[in-house]
C-alpha atoms as a PDB file:
ATOM      1  CA  MET A   1     -29.486 -31.772-146.112  1.00  0.00           C
ATOM      2  CA  ASP A   2     -27.992 -33.162-142.949  1.00  0.00           C
ATOM      3  CA  LYS A   3     -24.982 -35.430-143.354  1.00  0.00           C
ATOM      4  CA  GLN A   4     -26.466 -38.076-141.057  1.00  0.00           C
ATOM      5  CA  PHE A   5     -29.105 -38.935-143.661  1.00  0.00           C
ATOM      6  CA  CYS A   6     -26.987 -39.233-146.785  1.00  0.00           C
ATOM      7  CA  ASP A   7     -23.677 -38.318-148.363  1.00  0.00           C
ATOM      8  CA  LYS A   8     -23.371 -34.970-150.101  1.00  0.00           C
ATOM      9  CA  LYS A   9     -23.261 -36.660-153.525  1.00  0.00           C
ATOM     10  CA  ASP A  10     -26.634 -38.357-152.821  1.00  0.00           C
ATOM     11  CA  THR A  11     -28.459 -35.229-151.682  1.00  0.00           C
ATOM     12  CA  ALA A  12     -30.186 -34.635-155.035  1.00  0.00           C
ATOM     13  CA  THR A  13     -31.332 -38.266-155.152  1.00  0.00           C
ATOM     14  CA  ALA A  14     -32.748 -38.007-151.631  1.00  0.00           C
ATOM     15  CA  ILE A  15     -34.604 -34.791-152.443  1.00  0.00           C
ATOM     16  CA  ASP A  16     -36.002 -36.234-155.690  1.00  0.00           C
ATOM     17  CA  THR A  17     -37.155 -39.385-153.881  1.00  0.00           C
ATOM     18  CA  TYR A  18     -38.873 -37.286-151.220  1.00  0.00           C
ATOM     19  CA  GLU A  19     -40.580 -35.080-153.807  1.00  0.00           C
ATOM     20  CA  GLY A  20     -41.697 -38.094-155.844  1.00  0.00           C
ATOM     21  CA  LEU A  21     -43.235 -39.792-152.811  1.00  0.00           C
ATOM     22  CA  LYS A  22     -44.907 -36.527-151.832  1.00  0.00           C
ATOM     23  CA  ARG A  23     -46.497 -36.247-155.274  1.00  0.00           C
ATOM     24  CA  ILE A  24     -47.716 -39.855-155.184  1.00  0.00           C
ATOM     25  CA  THR A  25     -49.326 -39.434-151.752  1.00  0.00           C
ATOM     26  CA  THR A  26     -50.929 -36.170-152.878  1.00  0.00           C
ATOM     27  CA  MET A  27     -52.398 -37.942-155.904  1.00  0.00           C
ATOM     28  CA  LEU A  28     -53.727 -40.772-153.719  1.00  0.00           C
ATOM     29  CA  ALA A  29     -55.285 -38.310-151.258  1.00  0.00           C
ATOM     30  CA  SER A  30     -56.887 -36.379-154.098  1.00  0.00           C
ATOM     31  CA  THR A  31     -58.260 -39.574-155.628  1.00  0.00           C
ATOM     32  CA  LEU A  32     -59.686 -40.686-152.286  1.00  0.00           C
ATOM     33  CA  ALA A  33     -61.327 -37.285-151.767  1.00  0.00           C
ATOM     34  CA  ASP A  34     -62.757 -37.439-155.277  1.00  0.00           C
ATOM     35  CA  LEU A  35     -64.227 -40.901-154.653  1.00  0.00           C
ATOM     36  CA  ILE A  36     -65.808 -39.744-151.393  1.00  0.00           C
ATOM     37  CA  TRP A  37     -67.159 -36.649-153.173  1.00  0.00           C
ATOM     38  CA  ILE A  38     -68.728 -38.726-155.972  1.00  0.00           C
ATOM     39  CA  TYR A  39     -70.023 -41.754-154.069  1.00  0.00           C
ATOM     40  CA  ALA A  40     -71.001 -40.181-150.732  1.00  0.00           C
ATOM     41  CA  SER A  41     -71.446 -36.403-150.873  1.00  0.00           C
ATOM     42  CA  PRO A  42     -69.437 -33.186-150.804  1.00  0.00           C
ATOM     43  CA  GLU A  43     -70.384 -32.727-147.141  1.00  0.00           C
ATOM     44  CA  THR A  44     -68.910 -36.133-146.274  1.00  0.00           C
ATOM     45  CA  THR A  45     -65.640 -35.164-147.954  1.00  0.00           C
ATOM     46  CA  PHE A  46     -65.323 -32.087-145.735  1.00  0.00           C
ATOM     47  CA  ILE A  47     -66.314 -34.047-142.624  1.00  0.00           C
ATOM     48  CA  VAL A  48     -63.650 -36.697-143.326  1.00  0.00           C
ATOM     49  CA  SER A  49     -61.038 -34.008-144.021  1.00  0.00           C
ATOM     50  CA  GLY A  50     -61.947 -32.077-140.886  1.00  0.00           C
ATOM     51  CA  THR A  51     -61.783 -35.234-138.792  1.00  0.00           C
ATOM     52  CA  GLY A  52     -58.317 -35.944-140.153  1.00  0.00           C
ATOM     53  CA  VAL A  53     -57.190 -32.428-139.267  1.00  0.00           C
ATOM     54  CA  VAL A  54     -58.516 -32.765-135.711  1.00  0.00           C
ATOM     55  CA  ILE A  55     -56.720 -36.105-135.299  1.00  0.00           C
ATOM     56  CA  ALA A  56     -53.462 -34.594-136.606  1.00  0.00           C
ATOM     57  CA  VAL A  57     -53.727 -31.565-134.288  1.00  0.00           C
ATOM     58  CA  VAL A  58     -54.394 -33.747-131.250  1.00  0.00           C
ATOM     59  CA  TYR A  59     -51.496 -36.018-132.190  1.00  0.00           C
ATOM     60  CA  PHE A  60     -49.037 -33.142-132.611  1.00  0.00           C
ATOM     61  CA  MET A  61     -50.169 -31.535-129.359  1.00  0.00           C
ATOM     62  CA  TRP A  62     -49.680 -34.856-127.549  1.00  0.00           C
ATOM     63  CA  MET A  63     -46.314 -35.607-129.153  1.00  0.00           C
ATOM     64  CA  PRO A  64     -44.139 -33.172-127.081  1.00  0.00           C
ATOM     65  CA  TYR A  65     -45.587 -34.623-123.858  1.00  0.00           C
ATOM     66  CA  ARG A  66     -44.828 -38.151-125.021  1.00  0.00           C
ATOM     67  CA  ARG A  67     -41.275 -37.257-126.036  1.00  0.00           C
ATOM     68  CA  THR A  68     -40.606 -35.545-122.701  1.00  0.00           C
ATOM     69  CA  TYR A  69     -42.035 -38.538-120.834  1.00  0.00           C
ATOM     70  CA  ILE A  70     -39.883 -40.991-122.795  1.00  0.00           C
ATOM     71  CA  LEU A  71     -36.743 -38.887-122.273  1.00  0.00           C
ATOM     72  CA  GLU A  72     -37.408 -38.625-118.532  1.00  0.00           C
ATOM     73  CA  LYS A  73     -37.857 -42.384-118.270  1.00  0.00           C
ATOM     74  CA  SER A  74     -34.743 -43.131-120.329  1.00  0.00           C
ATOM     75  CA  ASP A  75     -32.578 -40.978-118.038  1.00  0.00           C
ATOM     76  CA  THR A  76     -33.390 -43.218-115.079  1.00  0.00           C
ATOM     77  CA  ILE A  77     -32.318 -46.401-116.834  1.00  0.00           C
ATOM     78  CA  PRO A  78     -28.751 -47.354-115.783  1.00  0.00           C
END
């Protein structure tokens, strides 16, 4: 773990916190998918998941452009 995020003695705590939050968000996502599956339909669950994937892909493809644009603009500021 990089020293800028935490001291070496707190590395295990940081990793455990990250893993715990990851498990909670996974449980929430699974619960939401289950509710969509039960109350809407299995097809709707896959449509919602696919839409989320498309949004994530577009976002991550757009992100390098945005970062480059911001860095170029920040270099011109005195």
